Amino acid sequence: MQDSLFSAQAPESKETVDEVNEELLRRAKSLPQFRERIFIFGEGKTGAKVAVVGESPGPPDIESGRPFMGPAGLMLERILSSIGLARADCYLTNVVKVISQGDEITPEWLSLFTPYLHRELAAARPRVVIAFGNTPARALLRTKKPISQLRGEFHDYDGTPLMPTFNPAYLLRDPTKKREVWEDIKKVRALLASG
């Protein structure tokens, strides 16, 4: 059943992740609200087993210039290692590419960054996408449903299986959700093992 759901792959992208990011940076820097912002782009190899998508980089990402650092990054690494994955096995990115506390992410910001995220993932070509949190799940699945309704089942993202689950930063605030994330991540492990 899973094969039939995800067998219609999207056409291969003709652009690279770097080309997508360069265009986004040029466009965003032309807008006053982003001129002084610190941008943190995705990292990882094209064709990775898993693409990890979060909401936005946070202050711990500034020093290294890499996504998913600090306590939430450590939590993410524990989640990935629980199914035999390391950061190096994944392509890691965020919907919004500027440092944010989350509360400043407006519909206007999302309308700028989301189309570039779709192009970035098309260029990255992961086998599976994990959307960590409301913002990435809604942006990628083009829905307004909350993560609590989306998580737990694979969704078709342009021919690629996508698993929405709770954000590692959220787990630091509410550890009771770890069990649900584990159930979601086990399904990713099973899918990767099946082919």
Foldseek 3Di string as FASTA:
>chain_A
DVCVQQVQAADAAPDALVVLVVVLVVVQCVDPVPVPFQFQFKDEAAAFQEEEEEAEAAPQCVVVSHGLDDPLNVLVQVLQVVLPDGPRSYIYGYQQGTHDPPPPCDPVSNVSRLVSVLSSCSNSNHQEYEYAAQRRVCSQVVDNDGLVVQADDWDHRNSHTYHYAHRSVVCVVPVVRVVSSNNRSVVSSVVSVVD
